[in-house]
Amino acid sequence: ALDRLKREPRVGIDIETNGLRPQRLDNPRILTCAIGTLDFTVAFPLDHAKGWGSSAQRRRAWDLLIDFLFNSGAKIAHNLAMELEWFGYFLGRKVLHELVWEDSMALAHTLDERPGTKSLDYQCRITYGFWLKSLSRIDSSRIEEYPLDDALLYNGGDAKWTYGVFERRWSELVEVPAYRDEYQRKVVLASTLVEVEARGMLLDEVEVERQIDLI
C-alpha cells in the first residue's frame, strides 16, 4: 500500500498519539498512522498496544513508514506542527527540514482567519458538505480504549479528508499570489518553530526586564 502511495505527488497524513507533546510524556508513542488520497488510504498501527504481536513486527512497521516518508512526494497534514513535533522527536531533524510538507490548516487560515473555522471537521463541512467527526463516536484523547479497527478507521478518515480539503481548496489559494506567499511562510516557519520548542531557548532576563519597563 505504501509503495503505491509513493507514486502520488501528494498524500494526506495523520497520526494518533498518546498525548499532545512528546517531550512532556514519560512514554510517548505514535499509536497509529494513516496515509492516503481520496481514492486510496491505508491506516496501520505503530506503537498501539494491540497492533502487533512482536517487537520485530512493530519495528518493521516503523521501517516501512520511515522509508515512505523519505521516498515519497509531499505530505499534507492538518496542523502540520503536530506531525512535525512527533516525527521530529522520533526520527530527527531531517524529517523537519529535508521533506516536502503541506498544511491544510495553514491553507484554511490563510483563506479565512475567522475563529472556529480551522478544524478539519469544519473544513469538511464547508468544502464537502458533511461533518467528518459525526461519522465516528471516537474520542481521540482516549483512542486506545476503542477497538483497534475503529481507531484505524477514524485515523484513516482524517488522512483521507485532509488530502481532500487541501486539494479542493488549493486552487483558491494559488489564484491570489499574496495568499500563496503567506501560506508558504507559515509552512516554512512550522519546522523552525517545532525545533525551537523542542530545544528551548535561553532567556535574557535583563532584556526581558527592560522590555517590561518600556511597557
C-alpha atoms as a PDB file:
ATOM      1  CA  ALA A   1       0.000   0.000   0.000  1.00  0.00           C
ATOM      2  CA  LEU A   2       2.773   2.445   0.869  1.00  0.00           C
ATOM      3  CA  ASP A   3       4.647   1.614  -2.324  1.00  0.00           C
ATOM      4  CA  ARG A   4       1.507   2.502  -4.261  1.00  0.00           C
ATOM      5  CA  LEU A   5       1.170   5.809  -2.398  1.00  0.00           C
ATOM      6  CA  LYS A   6       4.806   6.698  -3.108  1.00  0.00           C
ATOM      7  CA  ARG A   7       3.774   7.342  -6.694  1.00  0.00           C
ATOM      8  CA  GLU A   8       1.335  10.086  -5.700  1.00  0.00           C
ATOM      9  CA  PRO A   9       2.566  13.702  -5.950  1.00  0.00           C
ATOM     10  CA  ARG A  10       0.823  14.494  -2.649  1.00  0.00           C
ATOM     11  CA  VAL A  11      -0.816  12.446   0.095  1.00  0.00           C
ATOM     12  CA  GLY A  12      -2.652  13.226   3.296  1.00  0.00           C
ATOM     13  CA  ILE A  13      -1.045  12.001   6.513  1.00  0.00           C
ATOM     14  CA  ASP A  14      -2.360  11.813  10.062  1.00  0.00           C
ATOM     15  CA  ILE A  15      -1.169  10.231  13.285  1.00  0.00           C
ATOM     16  CA  GLU A  16      -2.860   9.356  16.562  1.00  0.00           C
ATOM     17  CA  THR A  17      -0.704   9.631  19.678  1.00  0.00           C
ATOM     18  CA  ASN A  18      -0.963   9.057  23.415  1.00  0.00           C
ATOM     19  CA  GLY A  19      -0.659  12.756  24.233  1.00  0.00           C
ATOM     20  CA  LEU A  20      -0.187  16.221  22.813  1.00  0.00           C
ATOM     21  CA  ARG A  21       3.526  16.910  23.323  1.00  0.00           C
ATOM     22  CA  PRO A  22       6.040  14.027  23.233  1.00  0.00           C
ATOM     23  CA  GLN A  23       8.577  15.899  25.355  1.00  0.00           C
ATOM     24  CA  ARG A  24       6.093  16.044  28.231  1.00  0.00           C
ATOM     25  CA  LEU A  25       5.243  12.337  28.288  1.00  0.00           C
ATOM     26  CA  ASP A  26       7.056   9.575  30.170  1.00  0.00           C
ATOM     27  CA  ASN A  27       6.442   7.113  27.339  1.00  0.00           C
ATOM     28  CA  PRO A  28       5.488   8.988  24.152  1.00  0.00           C
ATOM     29  CA  ARG A  29       4.015   6.732  21.466  1.00  0.00           C
ATOM     30  CA  ILE A  30       2.625   7.193  17.985  1.00  0.00           C
ATOM     31  CA  LEU A  31      -0.248   4.748  18.194  1.00  0.00           C
ATOM     32  CA  THR A  32      -1.415   4.648  14.580  1.00  0.00           C
ATOM     33  CA  CYS A  33      -0.678   6.349  11.275  1.00  0.00           C
ATOM     34  CA  ALA A  34      -2.791   6.857   8.163  1.00  0.00           C
ATOM     35  CA  ILE A  35      -1.672   7.953   4.697  1.00  0.00           C
ATOM     36  CA  GLY A  36      -3.675   8.375   1.546  1.00  0.00           C
ATOM     37  CA  THR A  37      -5.750  10.225  -1.018  1.00  0.00           C
ATOM     38  CA  LEU A  38      -9.484  10.416  -1.630  1.00  0.00           C
ATOM     39  CA  ASP A  39      -9.286   7.233  -3.705  1.00  0.00           C
ATOM     40  CA  PHE A  40      -6.902   5.123  -1.636  1.00  0.00           C
ATOM     41  CA  THR A  41      -5.958   5.373   2.045  1.00  0.00           C
ATOM     42  CA  VAL A  42      -4.181   2.968   4.375  1.00  0.00           C
ATOM     43  CA  ALA A  43      -4.181   3.114   8.185  1.00  0.00           C
ATOM     44  CA  PHE A  44      -1.931   0.938  10.329  1.00  0.00           C
ATOM     45  CA  PRO A  45      -0.759   0.607  13.935  1.00  0.00           C
ATOM     46  CA  LEU A  46       2.686   1.618  15.085  1.00  0.00           C
ATOM     47  CA  ASP A  47       3.012   1.630  18.884  1.00  0.00           C
ATOM     48  CA  HIS A  48      -0.597   0.692  19.662  1.00  0.00           C
ATOM     49  CA  ALA A  49      -0.693  -1.970  22.379  1.00  0.00           C
ATOM     50  CA  LYS A  50      -2.996  -4.161  20.271  1.00  0.00           C
ATOM     51  CA  GLY A  51      -1.225  -3.519  16.997  1.00  0.00           C
ATOM     52  CA  TRP A  52       1.472  -6.130  16.616  1.00  0.00           C
ATOM     53  CA  GLY A  53       2.305  -9.483  18.102  1.00  0.00           C
ATOM     54  CA  SER A  54       6.016  -8.831  18.488  1.00  0.00           C
ATOM     55  CA  SER A  55       8.540  -6.013  18.741  1.00  0.00           C
ATOM     56  CA  ALA A  56      10.033  -7.173  15.420  1.00  0.00           C
ATOM     57  CA  GLN A  57       6.706  -6.630  13.666  1.00  0.00           C
ATOM     58  CA  ARG A  58       6.346  -3.218  15.258  1.00  0.00           C
ATOM     59  CA  ARG A  59       9.861  -2.291  14.152  1.00  0.00           C
ATOM     60  CA  ARG A  60       9.063  -3.452  10.631  1.00  0.00           C
ATOM     61  CA  ALA A  61       6.013  -1.188  10.519  1.00  0.00           C
ATOM     62  CA  TRP A  62       8.166   1.736  11.619  1.00  0.00           C
ATOM     63  CA  ASP A  63      10.799   0.913   8.992  1.00  0.00           C
ATOM     64  CA  LEU A  64       8.171   0.885   6.248  1.00  0.00           C
ATOM     65  CA  LEU A  65       6.862   4.251   7.404  1.00  0.00           C
ATOM     66  CA  ILE A  66      10.336   5.787   7.520  1.00  0.00           C
ATOM     67  CA  ASP A  67      11.078   4.501   4.034  1.00  0.00           C
ATOM     68  CA  PHE A  68       7.834   6.027   2.818  1.00  0.00           C
ATOM     69  CA  LEU A  69       8.466   9.417   4.427  1.00  0.00           C
ATOM     70  CA  PHE A  70      11.851   9.802   2.767  1.00  0.00           C
ATOM     71  CA  ASN A  71      10.909   8.353  -0.624  1.00  0.00           C
ATOM     72  CA  SER A  72       7.573   9.914  -1.447  1.00  0.00           C
ATOM     73  CA  GLY A  73       6.080  13.195  -2.607  1.00  0.00           C
ATOM     74  CA  ALA A  74       4.626  15.966  -0.491  1.00  0.00           C
ATOM     75  CA  LYS A  75       2.892  15.045   2.761  1.00  0.00           C
ATOM     76  CA  ILE A  76      -0.191  17.056   3.779  1.00  0.00           C
ATOM     77  CA  ALA A  77      -1.051  17.310   7.481  1.00  0.00           C
ATOM     78  CA  HIS A  78      -3.832  19.237   9.167  1.00  0.00           C
ATOM     79  CA  ASN A  79      -1.965  21.259  11.794  1.00  0.00           C
ATOM     80  CA  LEU A  80       1.476  20.384  10.458  1.00  0.00           C
ATOM     81  CA  ALA A  81       3.310  21.375  13.638  1.00  0.00           C
ATOM     82  CA  MET A  82       1.803  18.422  15.481  1.00  0.00           C
ATOM     83  CA  GLU A  83       3.017  15.825  12.964  1.00  0.00           C
ATOM     84  CA  LEU A  84       6.420  17.510  12.743  1.00  0.00           C
ATOM     85  CA  GLU A  85       6.829  17.583  16.503  1.00  0.00           C
ATOM     86  CA  TRP A  86       6.152  13.859  16.840  1.00  0.00           C
ATOM     87  CA  PHE A  87       8.060  12.708  13.778  1.00  0.00           C
ATOM     88  CA  GLY A  88      10.947  15.000  14.691  1.00  0.00           C
ATOM     89  CA  TYR A  89      11.039  13.602  18.203  1.00  0.00           C
ATOM     90  CA  PHE A  90      11.394  10.020  16.961  1.00  0.00           C
ATOM     91  CA  LEU A  91      13.213  10.476  13.650  1.00  0.00           C
ATOM     92  CA  GLY A  92      15.327  13.610  13.997  1.00  0.00           C
ATOM     93  CA  ARG A  93      15.842  16.916  12.214  1.00  0.00           C
ATOM     94  CA  LYS A  94      15.863  15.505   8.678  1.00  0.00           C
ATOM     95  CA  VAL A  95      12.117  14.997   8.895  1.00  0.00           C
ATOM     96  CA  LEU A  96      11.684  18.689   9.647  1.00  0.00           C
ATOM     97  CA  HIS A  97      13.964  20.159   7.005  1.00  0.00           C
ATOM     98  CA  GLU A  98      14.509  17.661   4.185  1.00  0.00           C
ATOM     99  CA  LEU A  99      10.975  16.525   3.367  1.00  0.00           C
ATOM    100  CA  VAL A 100       8.233  18.368   1.487  1.00  0.00           C
ATOM    101  CA  TRP A 101       5.291  19.211   3.727  1.00  0.00           C
ATOM    102  CA  GLU A 102       1.957  20.924   3.212  1.00  0.00           C
ATOM    103  CA  ASP A 103      -0.598  22.032   5.797  1.00  0.00           C
ATOM    104  CA  SER A 104      -4.340  22.091   5.147  1.00  0.00           C
ATOM    105  CA  MET A 105      -4.932  24.020   8.378  1.00  0.00           C
ATOM    106  CA  ALA A 106      -2.466  26.737   7.357  1.00  0.00           C
ATOM    107  CA  LEU A 107      -4.205  26.872   3.985  1.00  0.00           C
ATOM    108  CA  ALA A 108      -7.584  27.285   5.702  1.00  0.00           C
ATOM    109  CA  HIS A 109      -6.216  30.014   7.988  1.00  0.00           C
ATOM    110  CA  THR A 110      -4.740  31.892   5.041  1.00  0.00           C
ATOM    111  CA  LEU A 111      -8.075  31.908   3.240  1.00  0.00           C
ATOM    112  CA  ASP A 112     -10.241  32.669   6.279  1.00  0.00           C
ATOM    113  CA  GLU A 113      -8.907  33.912   9.618  1.00  0.00           C
ATOM    114  CA  ARG A 114     -12.240  33.871  11.442  1.00  0.00           C
ATOM    115  CA  PRO A 115     -12.081  31.948  14.752  1.00  0.00           C
ATOM    116  CA  GLY A 116     -13.567  28.474  14.778  1.00  0.00           C
ATOM    117  CA  THR A 117     -13.098  27.750  11.081  1.00  0.00           C
ATOM    118  CA  LYS A 118      -9.785  25.862  11.008  1.00  0.00           C
ATOM    119  CA  SER A 119     -10.652  22.380  12.263  1.00  0.00           C
ATOM    120  CA  LEU A 120     -10.718  19.512   9.795  1.00  0.00           C
ATOM    121  CA  ASP A 121     -14.330  18.911  10.812  1.00  0.00           C
ATOM    122  CA  TYR A 122     -15.360  22.459   9.856  1.00  0.00           C
ATOM    123  CA  GLN A 123     -13.318  22.396   6.669  1.00  0.00           C
ATOM    124  CA  CYS A 124     -15.062  19.185   5.555  1.00  0.00           C
ATOM    125  CA  ARG A 125     -18.408  20.837   6.239  1.00  0.00           C
ATOM    126  CA  ILE A 126     -17.748  23.920   4.110  1.00  0.00           C
ATOM    127  CA  THR A 127     -15.856  22.046   1.389  1.00  0.00           C
ATOM    128  CA  TYR A 128     -17.780  18.774   1.032  1.00  0.00           C
ATOM    129  CA  GLY A 129     -20.989  19.416   2.961  1.00  0.00           C
ATOM    130  CA  PHE A 130     -20.667  16.967   5.863  1.00  0.00           C
ATOM    131  CA  TRP A 131     -19.328  16.918   9.410  1.00  0.00           C
ATOM    132  CA  LEU A 132     -16.431  14.436   9.436  1.00  0.00           C
ATOM    133  CA  LYS A 133     -16.425  13.793  13.174  1.00  0.00           C
ATOM    134  CA  SER A 134     -20.103  12.882  13.178  1.00  0.00           C
ATOM    135  CA  LEU A 135     -19.140   9.690  11.323  1.00  0.00           C
ATOM    136  CA  SER A 136     -17.370   8.334  14.408  1.00  0.00           C
ATOM    137  CA  ARG A 137     -18.011   8.219  18.150  1.00  0.00           C
ATOM    138  CA  ILE A 138     -14.321   8.069  18.988  1.00  0.00           C
ATOM    139  CA  ASP A 139     -12.799  10.495  21.452  1.00  0.00           C
ATOM    140  CA  SER A 140      -9.276  10.877  20.071  1.00  0.00           C
ATOM    141  CA  SER A 141      -7.881  11.710  23.528  1.00  0.00           C
ATOM    142  CA  ARG A 142      -8.827   8.156  24.629  1.00  0.00           C
ATOM    143  CA  ILE A 143      -8.263   6.360  21.347  1.00  0.00           C
ATOM    144  CA  GLU A 144      -6.540   3.323  22.881  1.00  0.00           C
ATOM    145  CA  GLU A 145      -9.749   2.492  24.756  1.00  0.00           C
ATOM    146  CA  TYR A 146     -11.542   1.712  21.485  1.00  0.00           C
ATOM    147  CA  PRO A 147     -11.208  -1.386  19.281  1.00  0.00           C
ATOM    148  CA  LEU A 148      -8.199  -1.094  17.015  1.00  0.00           C
ATOM    149  CA  ASP A 149     -10.305  -1.393  13.853  1.00  0.00           C
ATOM    150  CA  ASP A 150     -12.385   1.602  14.937  1.00  0.00           C
ATOM    151  CA  ALA A 151      -9.280   3.612  15.749  1.00  0.00           C
ATOM    152  CA  LEU A 152      -7.773   2.856  12.339  1.00  0.00           C
ATOM    153  CA  LEU A 153     -10.984   3.809  10.554  1.00  0.00           C
ATOM    154  CA  TYR A 154     -11.049   7.117  12.443  1.00  0.00           C
ATOM    155  CA  ASN A 155      -7.378   7.774  11.685  1.00  0.00           C
ATOM    156  CA  GLY A 156      -7.832   6.874   8.028  1.00  0.00           C
ATOM    157  CA  GLY A 157     -10.742   9.271   7.680  1.00  0.00           C
ATOM    158  CA  ASP A 158      -8.616  12.139   8.936  1.00  0.00           C
ATOM    159  CA  ALA A 159      -5.830  11.415   6.423  1.00  0.00           C
ATOM    160  CA  LYS A 160      -8.261  10.963   3.536  1.00  0.00           C
ATOM    161  CA  TRP A 161     -10.170  14.174   4.124  1.00  0.00           C
ATOM    162  CA  THR A 162      -7.049  16.176   4.960  1.00  0.00           C
ATOM    163  CA  TYR A 163      -5.991  15.367   1.420  1.00  0.00           C
ATOM    164  CA  GLY A 164      -9.470  16.117   0.095  1.00  0.00           C
ATOM    165  CA  VAL A 165      -9.763  19.525   1.748  1.00  0.00           C
ATOM    166  CA  PHE A 166      -6.295  20.550   0.616  1.00  0.00           C
ATOM    167  CA  GLU A 167      -6.824  19.503  -2.985  1.00  0.00           C
ATOM    168  CA  ARG A 168     -10.235  21.157  -3.211  1.00  0.00           C
ATOM    169  CA  ARG A 169      -9.147  24.479  -1.693  1.00  0.00           C
ATOM    170  CA  TRP A 170      -5.659  24.719  -3.225  1.00  0.00           C
ATOM    171  CA  SER A 171      -6.979  26.486  -6.311  1.00  0.00           C
ATOM    172  CA  GLU A 172      -8.447  29.242  -4.120  1.00  0.00           C
ATOM    173  CA  LEU A 173      -5.002  29.872  -2.698  1.00  0.00           C
ATOM    174  CA  VAL A 174      -2.963  29.945  -5.894  1.00  0.00           C
ATOM    175  CA  GLU A 175      -5.323  32.424  -7.547  1.00  0.00           C
ATOM    176  CA  VAL A 176      -4.028  35.157  -5.206  1.00  0.00           C
ATOM    177  CA  PRO A 177      -0.203  35.487  -5.101  1.00  0.00           C
ATOM    178  CA  ALA A 178      -0.300  37.203  -1.711  1.00  0.00           C
ATOM    179  CA  TYR A 179      -2.216  34.247  -0.253  1.00  0.00           C
ATOM    180  CA  ARG A 180       0.266  31.786  -1.720  1.00  0.00           C
ATOM    181  CA  ASP A 181       3.213  33.714  -0.225  1.00  0.00           C
ATOM    182  CA  GLU A 182       1.557  33.905   3.188  1.00  0.00           C
ATOM    183  CA  TYR A 183       0.767  30.201   3.145  1.00  0.00           C
ATOM    184  CA  GLN A 184       4.336  29.265   2.209  1.00  0.00           C
ATOM    185  CA  ARG A 185       5.656  31.446   5.033  1.00  0.00           C
ATOM    186  CA  LYS A 186       3.515  29.567   7.547  1.00  0.00           C
ATOM    187  CA  VAL A 187       4.635  26.158   6.269  1.00  0.00           C
ATOM    188  CA  VAL A 188       8.324  27.100   6.264  1.00  0.00           C
ATOM    189  CA  LEU A 189       8.102  28.502   9.787  1.00  0.00           C
ATOM    190  CA  ALA A 190       6.403  25.386  11.177  1.00  0.00           C
ATOM    191  CA  SER A 191       9.547  23.247  11.216  1.00  0.00           C
ATOM    192  CA  THR A 192      11.642  26.015  12.746  1.00  0.00           C
ATOM    193  CA  LEU A 193       9.097  26.699  15.478  1.00  0.00           C
ATOM    194  CA  VAL A 194       8.853  23.000  16.299  1.00  0.00           C
ATOM    195  CA  GLU A 195      12.623  22.728  16.624  1.00  0.00           C
ATOM    196  CA  VAL A 196      12.847  25.817  18.807  1.00  0.00           C
ATOM    197  CA  GLU A 197      10.138  24.469  21.106  1.00  0.00           C
ATOM    198  CA  ALA A 198      11.860  21.107  21.342  1.00  0.00           C
ATOM    199  CA  ARG A 199      15.279  22.548  22.163  1.00  0.00           C
ATOM    200  CA  GLY A 200      14.134  25.529  24.202  1.00  0.00           C
ATOM    201  CA  MET A 201      15.713  28.992  24.219  1.00  0.00           C
ATOM    202  CA  LEU A 202      17.988  30.751  26.654  1.00  0.00           C
ATOM    203  CA  LEU A 203      16.209  33.627  28.337  1.00  0.00           C
ATOM    204  CA  ASP A 204      17.855  37.044  28.511  1.00  0.00           C
ATOM    205  CA  GLU A 205      16.346  38.119  31.816  1.00  0.00           C
ATOM    206  CA  VAL A 206      17.912  41.592  31.683  1.00  0.00           C
ATOM    207  CA  GLU A 207      16.368  42.260  28.276  1.00  0.00           C
ATOM    208  CA  VAL A 208      13.015  40.932  29.433  1.00  0.00           C
ATOM    209  CA  GLU A 209      13.038  43.334  32.367  1.00  0.00           C
ATOM    210  CA  ARG A 210      13.974  46.186  30.068  1.00  0.00           C
ATOM    211  CA  GLN A 211      11.076  45.394  27.747  1.00  0.00           C
ATOM    212  CA  ILE A 212       8.681  45.231  30.693  1.00  0.00           C
ATOM    213  CA  ASP A 213       9.863  48.649  31.878  1.00  0.00           C
ATOM    214  CA  LEU A 214       9.186  50.063  28.407  1.00  0.00           C
ATOM    215  CA  ILE A 215       5.593  48.885  28.606  1.00  0.00           C
END
